[in-house]
Protein backbone atom coordinates (compact mmCIF):
# COMPACT_ATOMS: atom_id res chain seq x y z
CA UNK A 1 120.81 -83.66 0.49
CA UNK A 2 119.95 -81.77 3.70
CA UNK A 3 117.56 -78.84 3.52
CA UNK A 4 118.77 -75.44 4.59
CA UNK A 5 116.31 -73.86 7.01
CA UNK A 6 116.06 -70.17 7.63
CA UNK A 7 115.92 -68.93 11.24
CA UNK A 8 112.69 -67.75 12.77
CA UNK A 9 112.72 -63.96 13.08
CA UNK A 10 113.25 -62.65 16.59
CA UNK A 11 110.62 -60.48 18.21
CA UNK A 12 112.85 -57.45 17.60
CA UNK A 13 112.60 -58.08 13.84
CA UNK A 14 108.77 -58.19 13.92
CA UNK A 15 106.78 -55.03 13.36
CA UNK A 16 104.90 -53.83 16.40
CA UNK A 17 101.19 -54.49 16.34
CA UNK A 18 98.96 -51.48 15.78
CA UNK A 19 97.46 -49.91 18.90
CA UNK A 20 94.14 -51.63 19.51
CA UNK A 21 92.68 -48.51 21.15
CA UNK A 22 93.13 -46.56 17.92
CA UNK A 23 91.85 -49.41 15.75
CA UNK A 24 88.67 -49.80 17.82
CA UNK A 25 88.09 -46.03 17.88
CA UNK A 26 88.42 -45.85 14.05
CA UNK A 27 86.12 -48.86 13.63
CA UNK A 28 83.46 -47.29 15.86
CA UNK A 29 83.72 -43.97 14.01
CA UNK A 30 82.95 -45.87 10.80
CA UNK A 31 79.78 -47.43 12.25
CA UNK A 32 77.42 -44.69 11.11
CA UNK A 33 74.39 -46.74 12.13
CA UNK A 34 75.09 -46.53 15.85
CA UNK A 35 72.63 -44.70 18.07
CA UNK A 36 72.90 -43.18 21.54
CA UNK A 37 71.44 -46.44 22.87
CA UNK A 38 74.65 -48.17 21.73
CA UNK A 39 76.84 -45.95 23.89
CA UNK A 40 77.36 -48.51 26.65
CA UNK A 41 78.58 -51.16 24.19
CA UNK A 42 80.81 -48.61 22.48
CA UNK A 43 82.37 -47.70 25.82
CA UNK A 44 82.77 -51.37 26.70
CA UNK A 45 84.61 -52.04 23.43
CA UNK A 46 86.92 -49.10 24.13
CA UNK A 47 87.52 -50.34 27.70
CA UNK A 48 88.41 -53.85 26.49
CA UNK A 49 90.88 -52.39 23.98
CA UNK A 50 92.36 -50.20 26.72
CA UNK A 51 92.80 -53.19 29.06
CA UNK A 52 94.48 -55.26 26.35
CA UNK A 53 96.90 -52.42 25.52
CA UNK A 54 97.54 -51.75 29.21
CA UNK A 55 98.52 -55.42 29.67
CA UNK A 56 100.99 -55.08 26.80
CA UNK A 57 102.44 -51.90 28.31
CA UNK A 58 102.79 -53.58 31.74
CA UNK A 59 104.64 -56.51 30.16
CA UNK A 60 107.13 -54.15 28.58
CA UNK A 61 107.66 -52.36 31.89
CA UNK A 62 108.20 -55.66 33.66
CA UNK A 63 110.80 -56.63 31.07
CA UNK A 64 112.69 -53.42 31.78
CA UNK A 65 112.42 -53.97 35.54
CA UNK A 66 113.85 -57.50 35.23
CA UNK A 67 116.98 -56.02 33.72
CA UNK A 68 117.32 -53.67 36.70
CA UNK A 69 116.48 -56.27 39.36
CA UNK A 70 119.49 -58.56 38.93
CA UNK A 71 120.71 -59.57 42.38
CA UNK A 72 117.93 -57.89 44.37
CA UNK A 73 115.98 -60.85 45.84
CA UNK A 74 113.07 -58.87 47.26
CA UNK A 75 112.58 -57.03 43.97
CA UNK A 76 112.76 -60.31 42.03
CA UNK A 77 110.01 -61.81 44.23
CA UNK A 78 107.81 -58.75 43.76
CA UNK A 79 108.42 -58.87 40.01
CA UNK A 80 107.37 -62.53 39.88
CA UNK A 81 104.05 -61.69 41.55
CA UNK A 82 103.52 -58.68 39.28
CA UNK A 83 104.40 -60.72 36.20
CA UNK A 84 101.84 -63.37 37.13
CA UNK A 85 99.14 -60.68 37.42
CA UNK A 86 100.08 -59.05 34.11
CA UNK A 87 100.11 -62.06 31.80
CA UNK A 88 99.44 -60.57 28.35
CA UNK A 89 98.55 -63.88 26.72
CA UNK A 90 95.85 -64.52 29.33
CA UNK A 91 94.54 -60.96 29.08
CA UNK A 92 94.30 -61.07 25.29
CA UNK A 93 92.98 -64.64 25.40
CA UNK A 94 90.17 -63.57 27.70
CA UNK A 95 89.38 -60.06 26.50
CA UNK A 96 90.00 -60.61 22.78
CA UNK A 97 86.89 -62.76 22.26
CA UNK A 98 84.92 -60.45 24.57
CA UNK A 99 85.92 -57.46 22.43
CA UNK A 100 85.05 -59.34 19.25
CA UNK A 101 81.61 -60.13 20.68
CA UNK A 102 80.94 -56.50 21.55
CA UNK A 103 82.04 -55.34 18.10
CA UNK A 104 79.85 -58.06 16.53
CA UNK A 105 76.87 -56.83 18.57
CA UNK A 106 77.53 -53.31 17.31
CA UNK A 107 77.54 -54.56 13.71
CA UNK A 108 81.28 -54.19 13.45
CA UNK A 109 82.09 -57.56 11.89
CA UNK A 110 81.48 -58.64 8.27
CA UNK A 111 78.96 -61.30 9.34
CA UNK A 112 77.05 -58.86 11.52
CA UNK A 113 76.88 -56.29 8.73
CA UNK A 114 75.65 -58.92 6.28
CA UNK A 115 72.91 -59.90 8.74
CA UNK A 116 71.84 -56.26 9.03
CA UNK A 117 71.05 -55.93 5.33
CA UNK A 118 67.36 -55.52 4.66
CA UNK A 119 67.38 -58.02 1.79
CA UNK A 120 68.92 -60.74 4.03
CA UNK A 121 67.45 -60.23 7.52
CA UNK A 122 68.25 -62.48 10.41
CA UNK A 123 65.79 -65.34 10.99
CA UNK A 124 63.00 -65.71 13.50
CA UNK A 125 60.43 -63.14 14.51
CA UNK A 126 62.73 -60.26 13.56
CA UNK A 127 62.78 -61.51 9.96
CA UNK A 128 58.98 -61.71 9.93
CA UNK A 129 58.66 -58.16 11.26
CA UNK A 130 61.12 -56.82 8.71
CA UNK A 131 59.29 -58.62 5.95
CA UNK A 132 55.99 -57.11 7.13
CA UNK A 133 54.32 -60.47 7.77
CA UNK A 134 52.68 -61.45 10.99
CA UNK A 135 52.28 -64.91 12.37
CA UNK A 136 48.78 -66.03 13.34
CA UNK A 137 47.92 -65.38 16.96
CA UNK A 138 48.44 -68.36 19.20
CA UNK A 139 45.54 -69.66 21.23
CA UNK A 140 46.07 -69.72 24.97
CA UNK A 141 46.08 -73.14 26.53
CA UNK A 142 43.82 -73.70 29.53
CA UNK A 143 45.55 -73.84 32.89
CA UNK A 144 46.26 -77.29 34.29
CA UNK A 145 43.31 -78.82 36.05
CA UNK A 146 40.80 -76.61 34.25
CA UNK A 147 38.45 -78.39 31.90
CA UNK A 148 38.42 -76.50 28.60
CA UNK A 149 34.88 -77.74 27.87
CA UNK A 150 33.37 -76.11 30.97
CA UNK A 151 30.58 -73.77 30.15
CA UNK A 152 30.07 -75.22 26.66
CA UNK A 153 26.53 -76.35 25.96
CA UNK A 154 25.42 -76.01 29.59
């Protein structure tokens, strides 16, 4: 007995995605631990969100222009060049991970917030400093070609 498949919803039936600019702004507002020294990363996150949304807006404008350009060869050629420059998938594919990295650096991801907890500090020297322990001082090695026994017992 053949299975009855349901059609895939068209893009018109899908809900529009929330505006990334607003989502990033709300996320940053909730990061009460941020300091003035984080301002550059905050601005970078906002800029990435703006560029992603601008790419989406350009794609919608290009779609409208295609409808108007029927039969106008010069306009069609210009639209093809513009469309190649405004590829949303490439923009999101490139800037999406960049934005995620900036938000992670600001402590805006679950893993970053977990690593910020005092009871579970990140490893390495930072963990030692947070725990209040200090590693023993390392002895300097003698420079190459210098005999480390010079001056001993002479």
